Amino acid sequence: MTPAELSRTVLRSVRGAVEERELSVPVPARIVVQPPPRPGCGDYASNVALQLAKPAGRPAREVAEILRKRLAGTAGIDRVEIAGPGFLNFTLGDGALVALVRDVLAQGAAYGDRSAGDGPVAGRASAGSPRAGARAAVVGEALERIGAAAGRTGRADGPPALVPAPDDLATLTARLGTDEARWILLRPAAHDPVRVPERPVQRESNPRFRVQYAHARTRALVRNAADLGFMSEPGAVGAPAADGSGAELRPAPASAHALHTLLAGHPSVVEAAARLRAPDRLVRHLEATADAFFRWHDDCPPLPVGEQKPLAVHRARLALAEATGTVLANGLRLLGISAPEHL
């Protein structure tokens, strides 16, 4: 279940409560669901009950309880809980997580990118444009691709007002390499200055390297699994039974849910980056996805250890790793940065 699907599900619950006169409020046009501000509060959260409380003339927690009862048991939702003054927190079931991985793998390069397969999209300002400046040229080019991926037709507006980069693009590229130069120009928000390192650092303290390394690691896992004679298959990624049967002892850990949430949010991040003309949003999302992948990888190794034979859970974990690689590659492509198979 993607954030958009969950939003529509919550909206249907509000409409149902209004139609059956449990609530007397105008039905909102849309409902926002997003990752909760703190770990351990489910996969998504919504403040819809707080928004409806005043027009309903009822306490927000009472409104939230009406919606919670309607949403409980919905396919794809494992738990609905009320937090604080009336926030609804949603934990998705493993079935929804499996469906998401299957969807990402089925769409491949088209996941989050409606222009996939249409060929390269030219930027408004090329690297050689004498008046554009390094940052404006790279941001404008990235926004062309991101806008096309989000389904926005016609030529995009030029880049927003930017704090200029201290060097021209040719100088930055010669000093740092193409990928690093583009990353440091795209990473800051428009009103923030560009900080140019002395030299590119090829280790995990460098966010650009960490994202590319996460992608390369997902591809290495697929190659290593093939050497062991198995392929990915979406499924439950929790701990396998000690007897080697492949049965699950516990559901997917929190790190798996966090990673799934980021994968599911990729299309909406692309849309927001296009709408707000802010490619830095996509950069930060890729960084968060890479970090979540490494945390999950440590919790749930996708490959069998030692003499252990590959189980269904290993195929499922490999599928999640492969889906993560797909999202990272798609995001890097929109930024005009390479997604290496080996690093």
C-alpha atoms as a PDB file:
ATOM      1  CA  MET A   1       0.000   0.000   0.000  1.00  0.00           C
ATOM      2  CA  THR A   2       1.476   3.320  -1.089  1.00  0.00           C
ATOM      3  CA  PRO A   3       0.898   6.623   0.762  1.00  0.00           C
ATOM      4  CA  ALA A   4      -1.561   7.631  -1.978  1.00  0.00           C
ATOM      5  CA  GLU A   5      -3.541   4.407  -1.536  1.00  0.00           C
ATOM      6  CA  LEU A   6      -3.579   4.816   2.237  1.00  0.00           C
ATOM      7  CA  SER A   7      -4.719   8.427   1.845  1.00  0.00           C
ATOM      8  CA  ARG A   8      -7.631   7.300  -0.323  1.00  0.00           C
ATOM      9  CA  THR A   9      -8.499   4.571   2.188  1.00  0.00           C
ATOM     10  CA  VAL A  10      -8.648   7.079   5.062  1.00  0.00           C
ATOM     11  CA  LEU A  11     -10.687   9.448   2.903  1.00  0.00           C
ATOM     12  CA  ARG A  12     -13.209   6.675   2.244  1.00  0.00           C
ATOM     13  CA  SER A  13     -13.518   6.093   5.990  1.00  0.00           C
ATOM     14  CA  VAL A  14     -14.297   9.780   6.544  1.00  0.00           C
ATOM     15  CA  ARG A  15     -16.848   9.757   3.735  1.00  0.00           C
ATOM     16  CA  GLY A  16     -18.465   6.642   5.190  1.00  0.00           C
ATOM     17  CA  ALA A  17     -18.665   8.191   8.658  1.00  0.00           C
ATOM     18  CA  VAL A  18     -20.320  11.292   7.190  1.00  0.00           C
ATOM     19  CA  GLU A  19     -22.784   9.304   5.071  1.00  0.00           C
ATOM     20  CA  GLU A  20     -23.795   7.207   8.083  1.00  0.00           C
ATOM     21  CA  ARG A  21     -24.010  10.336  10.259  1.00  0.00           C
ATOM     22  CA  GLU A  22     -21.312   9.377  12.709  1.00  0.00           C
ATOM     23  CA  LEU A  23     -19.653  12.664  11.804  1.00  0.00           C
ATOM     24  CA  SER A  24     -21.170  15.902  10.580  1.00  0.00           C
ATOM     25  CA  VAL A  25     -18.318  17.586   8.690  1.00  0.00           C
ATOM     26  CA  PRO A  26     -17.470  18.619   5.139  1.00  0.00           C
ATOM     27  CA  VAL A  27     -15.549  15.766   3.497  1.00  0.00           C
ATOM     28  CA  PRO A  28     -12.030  17.040   2.704  1.00  0.00           C
ATOM     29  CA  ALA A  29     -10.756  16.878  -0.865  1.00  0.00           C
ATOM     30  CA  ARG A  30      -7.701  14.905   0.192  1.00  0.00           C
ATOM     31  CA  ILE A  31      -6.044  13.562   3.319  1.00  0.00           C
ATOM     32  CA  VAL A  32      -2.327  13.734   3.964  1.00  0.00           C
ATOM     33  CA  VAL A  33      -0.528  10.697   5.347  1.00  0.00           C
ATOM     34  CA  GLN A  34       3.198  10.732   5.904  1.00  0.00           C
ATOM     35  CA  PRO A  35       5.898   8.905   7.842  1.00  0.00           C
ATOM     36  CA  PRO A  36       5.595   9.606  11.580  1.00  0.00           C
ATOM     37  CA  PRO A  37       8.050  12.071  13.118  1.00  0.00           C
ATOM     38  CA  ARG A  38       9.488   9.434  15.471  1.00  0.00           C
ATOM     39  CA  PRO A  39      10.415   5.760  14.978  1.00  0.00           C
ATOM     40  CA  GLY A  40       8.152   3.222  16.611  1.00  0.00           C
ATOM     41  CA  CYS A  41       4.926   5.088  15.780  1.00  0.00           C
ATOM     42  CA  GLY A  42       3.872   2.921  12.864  1.00  0.00           C
ATOM     43  CA  ASP A  43       4.602   3.276   9.167  1.00  0.00           C
ATOM     44  CA  TYR A  44       2.422   6.340   8.503  1.00  0.00           C
ATOM     45  CA  ALA A  45       0.530   8.965  10.469  1.00  0.00           C
ATOM     46  CA  SER A  46      -2.298  11.388   9.768  1.00  0.00           C
ATOM     47  CA  ASN A  47      -3.677  14.396  11.654  1.00  0.00           C
ATOM     48  CA  VAL A  48      -7.056  14.170   9.919  1.00  0.00           C
ATOM     49  CA  ALA A  49      -8.921  13.755  13.237  1.00  0.00           C
ATOM     50  CA  LEU A  50      -7.435  16.993  14.544  1.00  0.00           C
ATOM     51  CA  GLN A  51      -8.491  18.777  11.350  1.00  0.00           C
ATOM     52  CA  LEU A  52     -12.057  17.467  11.598  1.00  0.00           C
ATOM     53  CA  ALA A  53     -12.516  17.970  15.353  1.00  0.00           C
ATOM     54  CA  LYS A  54     -13.518  21.654  15.253  1.00  0.00           C
ATOM     55  CA  PRO A  55     -16.093  21.400  12.426  1.00  0.00           C
ATOM     56  CA  ALA A  56     -17.422  18.191  14.017  1.00  0.00           C
ATOM     57  CA  GLY A  57     -17.747  19.892  17.412  1.00  0.00           C
ATOM     58  CA  ARG A  58     -16.130  16.874  19.087  1.00  0.00           C
ATOM     59  CA  PRO A  59     -12.776  16.078  20.732  1.00  0.00           C
ATOM     60  CA  ALA A  60     -10.114  15.013  18.263  1.00  0.00           C
ATOM     61  CA  ARG A  61      -9.529  11.684  20.010  1.00  0.00           C
ATOM     62  CA  GLU A  62     -13.242  10.916  19.719  1.00  0.00           C
ATOM     63  CA  VAL A  63     -13.127  11.629  15.979  1.00  0.00           C
ATOM     64  CA  ALA A  64      -9.985   9.515  15.729  1.00  0.00           C
ATOM     65  CA  GLU A  65     -11.707   6.595  17.463  1.00  0.00           C
ATOM     66  CA  ILE A  66     -14.587   6.715  14.972  1.00  0.00           C
ATOM     67  CA  LEU A  67     -12.134   6.518  12.089  1.00  0.00           C
ATOM     68  CA  ARG A  68      -9.955   3.917  13.820  1.00  0.00           C
ATOM     69  CA  LYS A  69     -12.911   1.519  14.128  1.00  0.00           C
ATOM     70  CA  ARG A  70     -13.744   1.978  10.462  1.00  0.00           C
ATOM     71  CA  LEU A  71     -10.161   1.402   9.351  1.00  0.00           C
ATOM     72  CA  ALA A  72      -9.408  -1.567  11.622  1.00  0.00           C
ATOM     73  CA  GLY A  73      -9.274  -4.775   9.619  1.00  0.00           C
ATOM     74  CA  THR A  74      -8.751  -3.026   6.274  1.00  0.00           C
ATOM     75  CA  ALA A  75      -6.715  -5.162   3.901  1.00  0.00           C
ATOM     76  CA  GLY A  76      -3.083  -4.116   4.016  1.00  0.00           C
ATOM     77  CA  ILE A  77      -3.360  -2.360   7.396  1.00  0.00           C
ATOM     78  CA  ASP A  78      -2.163  -4.368  10.388  1.00  0.00           C
ATOM     79  CA  ARG A  79      -2.840  -1.835  13.163  1.00  0.00           C
ATOM     80  CA  VAL A  80      -4.454   1.587  13.594  1.00  0.00           C
ATOM     81  CA  GLU A  81      -3.546   3.376  16.820  1.00  0.00           C
ATOM     82  CA  ILE A  82      -4.387   6.763  18.306  1.00  0.00           C
ATOM     83  CA  ALA A  83      -1.480   8.827  19.599  1.00  0.00           C
ATOM     84  CA  GLY A  84      -1.236  12.120  21.464  1.00  0.00           C
ATOM     85  CA  PRO A  85      -4.145  14.511  21.014  1.00  0.00           C
ATOM     86  CA  GLY A  86      -5.651  12.479  18.166  1.00  0.00           C
ATOM     87  CA  PHE A  87      -3.089  11.416  15.568  1.00  0.00           C
ATOM     88  CA  LEU A  88      -3.842   8.210  13.689  1.00  0.00           C
ATOM     89  CA  ASN A  89      -0.817   5.933  13.350  1.00  0.00           C
ATOM     90  CA  PHE A  90      -0.907   3.142  10.761  1.00  0.00           C
ATOM     91  CA  THR A  91       1.187  -0.015  10.701  1.00  0.00           C
ATOM     92  CA  LEU A  92       0.953  -1.890   7.429  1.00  0.00           C
ATOM     93  CA  GLY A  93       0.664  -5.654   7.329  1.00  0.00           C
ATOM     94  CA  ASP A  94       3.371  -7.817   5.819  1.00  0.00           C
ATOM     95  CA  GLY A  95       1.081  -8.464   2.855  1.00  0.00           C
ATOM     96  CA  ALA A  96       1.135  -4.781   1.944  1.00  0.00           C
ATOM     97  CA  LEU A  97       4.907  -4.724   2.216  1.00  0.00           C
ATOM     98  CA  VAL A  98       5.225  -7.733  -0.070  1.00  0.00           C
ATOM     99  CA  ALA A  99       2.872  -6.148  -2.601  1.00  0.00           C
ATOM    100  CA  LEU A 100       4.960  -2.979  -2.629  1.00  0.00           C
ATOM    101  CA  VAL A 101       8.177  -4.874  -3.361  1.00  0.00           C
ATOM    102  CA  ARG A 102       6.441  -6.803  -6.134  1.00  0.00           C
ATOM    103  CA  ASP A 103       5.152  -3.526  -7.605  1.00  0.00           C
ATOM    104  CA  VAL A 104       8.577  -1.836  -7.545  1.00  0.00           C
ATOM    105  CA  LEU A 105      10.227  -4.817  -9.225  1.00  0.00           C
ATOM    106  CA  ALA A 106       7.472  -5.067 -11.845  1.00  0.00           C
ATOM    107  CA  GLN A 107       7.709  -1.373 -12.768  1.00  0.00           C
ATOM    108  CA  GLY A 108      11.505  -1.204 -12.675  1.00  0.00           C
ATOM    109  CA  ALA A 109      12.758   2.039 -14.206  1.00  0.00           C
ATOM    110  CA  ALA A 110       9.175   3.323 -14.482  1.00  0.00           C
ATOM    111  CA  TYR A 111       8.642   3.307 -10.698  1.00  0.00           C
ATOM    112  CA  GLY A 112       8.289   6.964  -9.751  1.00  0.00           C
ATOM    113  CA  ASP A 113       9.175   8.064 -13.294  1.00  0.00           C
ATOM    114  CA  ARG A 114       6.394   8.509 -15.839  1.00  0.00           C
ATOM    115  CA  SER A 115       8.959   9.479 -18.475  1.00  0.00           C
ATOM    116  CA  ALA A 116      10.918   6.206 -18.180  1.00  0.00           C
ATOM    117  CA  GLY A 117      11.581   4.768 -21.596  1.00  0.00           C
ATOM    118  CA  ASP A 118      11.033   8.092 -23.384  1.00  0.00           C
ATOM    119  CA  GLY A 119      14.751   8.811 -23.751  1.00  0.00           C
ATOM    120  CA  PRO A 120      16.800  11.581 -22.135  1.00  0.00           C
ATOM    121  CA  VAL A 121      15.177  14.912 -21.338  1.00  0.00           C
ATOM    122  CA  ALA A 122      17.266  17.932 -22.176  1.00  0.00           C
ATOM    123  CA  GLY A 123      17.757  20.567 -19.495  1.00  0.00           C
ATOM    124  CA  ARG A 124      16.867  24.227 -19.923  1.00  0.00           C
ATOM    125  CA  ALA A 125      20.423  25.321 -19.193  1.00  0.00           C
ATOM    126  CA  SER A 126      23.280  23.204 -20.439  1.00  0.00           C
ATOM    127  CA  ALA A 127      26.617  22.743 -18.710  1.00  0.00           C
ATOM    128  CA  GLY A 128      28.155  25.063 -21.281  1.00  0.00           C
ATOM    129  CA  SER A 129      25.636  27.885 -20.931  1.00  0.00           C
ATOM    130  CA  PRO A 130      27.826  30.937 -20.240  1.00  0.00           C
ATOM    131  CA  ARG A 131      25.221  32.851 -18.238  1.00  0.00           C
ATOM    132  CA  ALA A 132      23.564  30.075 -16.287  1.00  0.00           C
ATOM    133  CA  GLY A 133      26.241  29.462 -13.705  1.00  0.00           C
ATOM    134  CA  ALA A 134      27.211  26.004 -12.461  1.00  0.00           C
ATOM    135  CA  ARG A 135      24.435  25.564  -9.933  1.00  0.00           C
ATOM    136  CA  ALA A 136      21.655  26.974 -12.086  1.00  0.00           C
ATOM    137  CA  ALA A 137      22.694  24.791 -15.006  1.00  0.00           C
ATOM    138  CA  VAL A 138      22.741  21.555 -13.003  1.00  0.00           C
ATOM    139  CA  VAL A 139      19.560  22.336 -11.027  1.00  0.00           C
ATOM    140  CA  GLY A 140      17.691  23.392 -14.168  1.00  0.00           C
ATOM    141  CA  GLU A 141      18.671  20.194 -15.962  1.00  0.00           C
ATOM    142  CA  ALA A 142      17.659  18.030 -12.996  1.00  0.00           C
ATOM    143  CA  LEU A 143      14.317  19.826 -12.714  1.00  0.00           C
ATOM    144  CA  GLU A 144      13.578  19.068 -16.376  1.00  0.00           C
ATOM    145  CA  ARG A 145      13.985  15.347 -15.723  1.00  0.00           C
ATOM    146  CA  ILE A 146      12.163  15.424 -12.387  1.00  0.00           C
ATOM    147  CA  GLY A 147       9.294  17.406 -13.882  1.00  0.00           C
ATOM    148  CA  ALA A 148       8.912  14.932 -16.731  1.00  0.00           C
ATOM    149  CA  ALA A 149       9.049  12.031 -14.262  1.00  0.00           C
ATOM    150  CA  ALA A 150       6.255  13.640 -12.246  1.00  0.00           C
ATOM    151  CA  GLY A 151       4.105  13.941 -15.364  1.00  0.00           C
ATOM    152  CA  ARG A 152       4.380  17.697 -15.728  1.00  0.00           C
ATOM    153  CA  THR A 153       4.025  18.605 -19.397  1.00  0.00           C
ATOM    154  CA  GLY A 154       5.697  21.468 -21.220  1.00  0.00           C
ATOM    155  CA  ARG A 155       8.989  23.110 -20.452  1.00  0.00           C
ATOM    156  CA  ALA A 156       9.630  23.641 -16.780  1.00  0.00           C
ATOM    157  CA  ASP A 157      10.344  27.042 -15.313  1.00  0.00           C
ATOM    158  CA  GLY A 158      13.983  27.836 -14.772  1.00  0.00           C
ATOM    159  CA  PRO A 159      15.589  26.921 -11.459  1.00  0.00           C
ATOM    160  CA  PRO A 160      14.537  28.888  -8.360  1.00  0.00           C
ATOM    161  CA  ALA A 161      16.635  31.742  -7.009  1.00  0.00           C
ATOM    162  CA  LEU A 162      19.835  30.027  -5.926  1.00  0.00           C
ATOM    163  CA  VAL A 163      22.843  30.981  -3.876  1.00  0.00           C
ATOM    164  CA  PRO A 164      25.496  30.666  -6.616  1.00  0.00           C
ATOM    165  CA  ALA A 165      28.273  28.120  -6.528  1.00  0.00           C
ATOM    166  CA  PRO A 166      31.765  29.467  -5.888  1.00  0.00           C
ATOM    167  CA  ASP A 167      33.241  27.906  -9.046  1.00  0.00           C
ATOM    168  CA  ASP A 168      32.152  27.248 -12.607  1.00  0.00           C
ATOM    169  CA  LEU A 169      30.983  23.756 -13.536  1.00  0.00           C
ATOM    170  CA  ALA A 170      34.068  22.839 -15.541  1.00  0.00           C
ATOM    171  CA  THR A 171      36.326  23.696 -12.595  1.00  0.00           C
ATOM    172  CA  LEU A 172      34.165  21.741 -10.139  1.00  0.00           C
ATOM    173  CA  THR A 173      33.985  18.731 -12.436  1.00  0.00           C
ATOM    174  CA  ALA A 174      37.731  18.688 -13.044  1.00  0.00           C
ATOM    175  CA  ARG A 175      38.362  18.915  -9.310  1.00  0.00           C
ATOM    176  CA  LEU A 176      35.717  16.549  -7.962  1.00  0.00           C
ATOM    177  CA  GLY A 177      34.469  14.404 -10.842  1.00  0.00           C
ATOM    178  CA  THR A 178      31.069  14.647 -12.521  1.00  0.00           C
ATOM    179  CA  ASP A 179      29.001  12.799  -9.908  1.00  0.00           C
ATOM    180  CA  GLU A 180      30.434  14.597  -6.890  1.00  0.00           C
ATOM    181  CA  ALA A 181      30.174  18.004  -8.572  1.00  0.00           C
ATOM    182  CA  ARG A 182      26.516  17.459  -9.434  1.00  0.00           C
ATOM    183  CA  TRP A 183      25.736  16.103  -5.953  1.00  0.00           C
ATOM    184  CA  ILE A 184      27.172  19.087  -4.075  1.00  0.00           C
ATOM    185  CA  LEU A 185      25.271  21.472  -6.370  1.00  0.00           C
ATOM    186  CA  LEU A 186      21.945  19.637  -5.983  1.00  0.00           C
ATOM    187  CA  ARG A 187      22.120  18.716  -2.282  1.00  0.00           C
ATOM    188  CA  PRO A 188      21.614  22.133  -0.594  1.00  0.00           C
ATOM    189  CA  ALA A 189      18.216  23.816  -0.539  1.00  0.00           C
ATOM    190  CA  ALA A 190      18.004  26.826  -2.874  1.00  0.00           C
ATOM    191  CA  HIS A 191      18.637  29.350  -0.089  1.00  0.00           C
ATOM    192  CA  ASP A 192      21.633  27.445   1.302  1.00  0.00           C
ATOM    193  CA  PRO A 193      25.210  27.936   0.085  1.00  0.00           C
ATOM    194  CA  VAL A 194      27.172  25.259  -1.765  1.00  0.00           C
ATOM    195  CA  ARG A 195      30.000  23.829   0.312  1.00  0.00           C
ATOM    196  CA  VAL A 196      32.777  22.515  -1.897  1.00  0.00           C
ATOM    197  CA  PRO A 197      35.062  19.861  -0.394  1.00  0.00           C
ATOM    198  CA  GLU A 198      38.789  19.867  -1.031  1.00  0.00           C
ATOM    199  CA  ARG A 199      38.508  16.492  -2.752  1.00  0.00           C
ATOM    200  CA  PRO A 200      35.880  13.765  -3.159  1.00  0.00           C
ATOM    201  CA  VAL A 201      35.888  11.262  -0.302  1.00  0.00           C
ATOM    202  CA  GLN A 202      35.220   7.671  -1.337  1.00  0.00           C
ATOM    203  CA  ARG A 203      33.840   6.413   1.953  1.00  0.00           C
ATOM    204  CA  GLU A 204      30.518   6.244   3.771  1.00  0.00           C
ATOM    205  CA  SER A 205      30.938   9.617   5.484  1.00  0.00           C
ATOM    206  CA  ASN A 206      30.246  11.109   2.028  1.00  0.00           C
ATOM    207  CA  PRO A 207      26.456  11.027   1.384  1.00  0.00           C
ATOM    208  CA  ARG A 208      26.897  10.735  -2.397  1.00  0.00           C
ATOM    209  CA  PHE A 209      29.252   7.790  -2.015  1.00  0.00           C
ATOM    210  CA  ARG A 210      26.919   6.185   0.558  1.00  0.00           C
ATOM    211  CA  VAL A 211      23.962   6.298  -1.840  1.00  0.00           C
ATOM    212  CA  GLN A 212      25.988   4.922  -4.742  1.00  0.00           C
ATOM    213  CA  TYR A 213      27.529   2.283  -2.491  1.00  0.00           C
ATOM    214  CA  ALA A 214      24.077   1.198  -1.282  1.00  0.00           C
ATOM    215  CA  HIS A 215      23.004   0.729  -4.899  1.00  0.00           C
ATOM    216  CA  ALA A 216      26.176  -1.186  -5.755  1.00  0.00           C
ATOM    217  CA  ARG A 217      25.652  -3.361  -2.681  1.00  0.00           C
ATOM    218  CA  THR A 218      22.126  -4.308  -3.807  1.00  0.00           C
ATOM    219  CA  ARG A 219      23.489  -5.350  -7.188  1.00  0.00           C
ATOM    220  CA  ALA A 220      26.290  -7.362  -5.565  1.00  0.00           C
ATOM    221  CA  LEU A 221      23.711  -9.200  -3.444  1.00  0.00           C
ATOM    222  CA  VAL A 222      21.828 -10.211  -6.599  1.00  0.00           C
ATOM    223  CA  ARG A 223      25.042 -11.460  -8.214  1.00  0.00           C
ATOM    224  CA  ASN A 224      26.112 -13.338  -5.093  1.00  0.00           C
ATOM    225  CA  ALA A 225      22.684 -14.951  -4.772  1.00  0.00           C
ATOM    226  CA  ALA A 226      22.883 -16.127  -8.369  1.00  0.00           C
ATOM    227  CA  ASP A 227      26.236 -17.731  -7.557  1.00  0.00           C
ATOM    228  CA  LEU A 228      24.493 -19.558  -4.709  1.00  0.00           C
ATOM    229  CA  GLY A 229      21.745 -20.714  -7.047  1.00  0.00           C
ATOM    230  CA  PHE A 230      18.748 -18.635  -5.980  1.00  0.00           C
ATOM    231  CA  MET A 231      16.837 -15.553  -7.118  1.00  0.00           C
ATOM    232  CA  SER A 232      14.602 -12.993  -5.440  1.00  0.00           C
ATOM    233  CA  GLU A 233      10.930 -13.621  -4.684  1.00  0.00           C
ATOM    234  CA  PRO A 234       8.828 -11.070  -2.764  1.00  0.00           C
ATOM    235  CA  GLY A 235       7.680 -12.450   0.576  1.00  0.00           C
ATOM    236  CA  ALA A 236       7.965 -12.089   4.352  1.00  0.00           C
ATOM    237  CA  VAL A 237      11.373 -10.853   5.507  1.00  0.00           C
ATOM    238  CA  GLY A 238      11.200 -11.671   9.244  1.00  0.00           C
ATOM    239  CA  ALA A 239      13.377 -14.174  11.098  1.00  0.00           C
ATOM    240  CA  PRO A 240      13.319 -17.767   9.793  1.00  0.00           C
ATOM    241  CA  ALA A 241      12.524 -20.663  12.103  1.00  0.00           C
ATOM    242  CA  ALA A 242      15.462 -22.293  13.869  1.00  0.00           C
ATOM    243  CA  ASP A 243      14.586 -25.664  12.336  1.00  0.00           C
ATOM    244  CA  GLY A 244      15.360 -24.333   8.863  1.00  0.00           C
ATOM    245  CA  SER A 245      11.795 -24.777   7.628  1.00  0.00           C
ATOM    246  CA  GLY A 246      11.552 -21.189   6.457  1.00  0.00           C
ATOM    247  CA  ALA A 247       8.578 -20.459   8.714  1.00  0.00           C
ATOM    248  CA  GLU A 248       8.483 -17.047  10.352  1.00  0.00           C
ATOM    249  CA  LEU A 249       9.129 -16.673  14.086  1.00  0.00           C
ATOM    250  CA  ARG A 250       8.309 -12.973  14.131  1.00  0.00           C
ATOM    251  CA  PRO A 251       7.050 -10.330  11.690  1.00  0.00           C
ATOM    252  CA  ALA A 252       9.255  -7.962   9.749  1.00  0.00           C
ATOM    253  CA  PRO A 253      11.419  -5.817  12.070  1.00  0.00           C
ATOM    254  CA  ALA A 254      11.052  -2.059  12.397  1.00  0.00           C
ATOM    255  CA  SER A 255      14.004  -1.522  10.068  1.00  0.00           C
ATOM    256  CA  ALA A 256      12.135  -3.357   7.287  1.00  0.00           C
ATOM    257  CA  HIS A 257       9.034  -1.216   7.799  1.00  0.00           C
ATOM    258  CA  ALA A 258      11.150   1.946   7.731  1.00  0.00           C
ATOM    259  CA  LEU A 259      12.759   0.900   4.459  1.00  0.00           C
ATOM    260  CA  HIS A 260       9.401  -0.038   2.916  1.00  0.00           C
ATOM    261  CA  THR A 261       8.000   3.367   3.900  1.00  0.00           C
ATOM    262  CA  LEU A 262      10.815   5.141   2.055  1.00  0.00           C
ATOM    263  CA  LEU A 263      10.409   2.963  -1.044  1.00  0.00           C
ATOM    264  CA  ALA A 264       6.658   3.594  -1.069  1.00  0.00           C
ATOM    265  CA  GLY A 265       7.216   7.343  -0.699  1.00  0.00           C
ATOM    266  CA  HIS A 266       9.577   7.648  -3.669  1.00  0.00           C
ATOM    267  CA  PRO A 267       6.909   8.649  -6.263  1.00  0.00           C
ATOM    268  CA  SER A 268       5.460  11.322  -3.959  1.00  0.00           C
ATOM    269  CA  VAL A 269       8.954  12.711  -3.286  1.00  0.00           C
ATOM    270  CA  VAL A 270       9.559  13.018  -7.040  1.00  0.00           C
ATOM    271  CA  GLU A 271       6.230  14.827  -7.403  1.00  0.00           C
ATOM    272  CA  ALA A 272       7.029  17.198  -4.513  1.00  0.00           C
ATOM    273  CA  ALA A 273      10.513  17.912  -5.892  1.00  0.00           C
ATOM    274  CA  ALA A 274       8.934  18.842  -9.231  1.00  0.00           C
ATOM    275  CA  ARG A 275       6.108  20.907  -7.741  1.00  0.00           C
ATOM    276  CA  LEU A 276       8.369  22.832  -5.360  1.00  0.00           C
ATOM    277  CA  ARG A 277      11.272  22.989  -7.839  1.00  0.00           C
ATOM    278  CA  ALA A 278      13.472  21.494  -5.159  1.00  0.00           C
ATOM    279  CA  PRO A 279      15.721  18.637  -6.324  1.00  0.00           C
ATOM    280  CA  ASP A 280      17.325  18.665  -2.869  1.00  0.00           C
ATOM    281  CA  ARG A 281      14.199  16.853  -1.617  1.00  0.00           C
ATOM    282  CA  LEU A 282      15.029  13.905  -3.855  1.00  0.00           C
ATOM    283  CA  VAL A 283      18.671  14.017  -2.747  1.00  0.00           C
ATOM    284  CA  ARG A 284      17.681  13.812   0.924  1.00  0.00           C
ATOM    285  CA  HIS A 285      15.231  11.004   0.206  1.00  0.00           C
ATOM    286  CA  LEU A 286      17.949   8.966  -1.480  1.00  0.00           C
ATOM    287  CA  GLU A 287      20.247   9.516   1.496  1.00  0.00           C
ATOM    288  CA  ALA A 288      17.510   8.380   3.895  1.00  0.00           C
ATOM    289  CA  THR A 289      16.788   5.323   1.732  1.00  0.00           C
ATOM    290  CA  ALA A 290      20.455   4.309   1.642  1.00  0.00           C
ATOM    291  CA  ASP A 291      20.788   4.715   5.419  1.00  0.00           C
ATOM    292  CA  ALA A 292      17.611   2.682   6.011  1.00  0.00           C
ATOM    293  CA  PHE A 293      18.885  -0.034   3.677  1.00  0.00           C
ATOM    294  CA  PHE A 294      22.129  -0.444   5.620  1.00  0.00           C
ATOM    295  CA  ARG A 295      20.245  -0.596   8.952  1.00  0.00           C
ATOM    296  CA  TRP A 296      17.872  -3.230   7.596  1.00  0.00           C
ATOM    297  CA  HIS A 297      20.709  -5.155   5.946  1.00  0.00           C
ATOM    298  CA  ASP A 298      22.426  -5.451   9.335  1.00  0.00           C
ATOM    299  CA  ASP A 299      19.178  -6.708  10.939  1.00  0.00           C
ATOM    300  CA  CYS A 300      18.202  -9.089   8.130  1.00  0.00           C
ATOM    301  CA  PRO A 301      21.108 -10.359   6.010  1.00  0.00           C
ATOM    302  CA  PRO A 302      19.726 -11.292   2.580  1.00  0.00           C
ATOM    303  CA  LEU A 303      22.253 -14.071   1.986  1.00  0.00           C
ATOM    304  CA  PRO A 304      22.505 -17.315   3.983  1.00  0.00           C
ATOM    305  CA  VAL A 305      25.372 -17.538   6.437  1.00  0.00           C
ATOM    306  CA  GLY A 306      27.999 -20.290   6.375  1.00  0.00           C
ATOM    307  CA  GLU A 307      26.612 -23.661   5.269  1.00  0.00           C
ATOM    308  CA  GLN A 308      22.989 -22.552   5.602  1.00  0.00           C
ATOM    309  CA  LYS A 309      20.861 -23.262   2.548  1.00  0.00           C
ATOM    310  CA  PRO A 310      18.877 -20.448   0.920  1.00  0.00           C
ATOM    311  CA  LEU A 311      15.359 -20.267   2.373  1.00  0.00           C
ATOM    312  CA  ALA A 312      12.203 -18.466   1.288  1.00  0.00           C
ATOM    313  CA  VAL A 313      13.083 -15.653   3.693  1.00  0.00           C
ATOM    314  CA  HIS A 314      16.402 -15.120   1.898  1.00  0.00           C
ATOM    315  CA  ARG A 315      14.620 -14.848  -1.444  1.00  0.00           C
ATOM    316  CA  ALA A 316      12.229 -12.332   0.120  1.00  0.00           C
ATOM    317  CA  ARG A 317      15.047 -10.279   1.596  1.00  0.00           C
ATOM    318  CA  LEU A 318      16.860 -10.331  -1.712  1.00  0.00           C
ATOM    319  CA  ALA A 319      13.699  -8.990  -3.381  1.00  0.00           C
ATOM    320  CA  LEU A 320      13.566  -6.113  -0.893  1.00  0.00           C
ATOM    321  CA  ALA A 321      17.239  -5.358  -1.536  1.00  0.00           C
ATOM    322  CA  GLU A 322      16.629  -5.470  -5.292  1.00  0.00           C
ATOM    323  CA  ALA A 323      13.647  -3.112  -4.954  1.00  0.00           C
ATOM    324  CA  THR A 324      15.822  -0.731  -2.934  1.00  0.00           C
ATOM    325  CA  GLY A 325      18.417  -0.758  -5.694  1.00  0.00           C
ATOM    326  CA  THR A 326      15.700   0.058  -8.224  1.00  0.00           C
ATOM    327  CA  VAL A 327      14.560   3.111  -6.252  1.00  0.00           C
ATOM    328  CA  LEU A 328      18.121   4.330  -5.714  1.00  0.00           C
ATOM    329  CA  ALA A 329      18.965   3.906  -9.401  1.00  0.00           C
ATOM    330  CA  ASN A 330      15.790   5.696 -10.496  1.00  0.00           C
ATOM    331  CA  GLY A 331      16.474   8.636  -8.190  1.00  0.00           C
ATOM    332  CA  LEU A 332      20.114   8.932  -9.191  1.00  0.00           C
ATOM    333  CA  ARG A 333      19.130   8.870 -12.864  1.00  0.00           C
ATOM    334  CA  LEU A 334      16.753  11.801 -12.352  1.00  0.00           C
ATOM    335  CA  LEU A 335      19.574  13.758 -10.732  1.00  0.00           C
ATOM    336  CA  GLY A 336      21.914  12.953 -13.614  1.00  0.00           C
ATOM    337  CA  ILE A 337      24.246  10.945 -11.353  1.00  0.00           C
ATOM    338  CA  SER A 338      25.520   7.458 -12.123  1.00  0.00           C
ATOM    339  CA  ALA A 339      24.295   4.310 -10.354  1.00  0.00           C
ATOM    340  CA  PRO A 340      27.338   2.016 -10.547  1.00  0.00           C
ATOM    341  CA  GLU A 341      26.973  -1.750 -10.478  1.00  0.00           C
ATOM    342  CA  HIS A 342      30.394  -2.073  -8.821  1.00  0.00           C
ATOM    343  CA  LEU A 343      32.024   0.306  -6.372  1.00  0.00           C
END
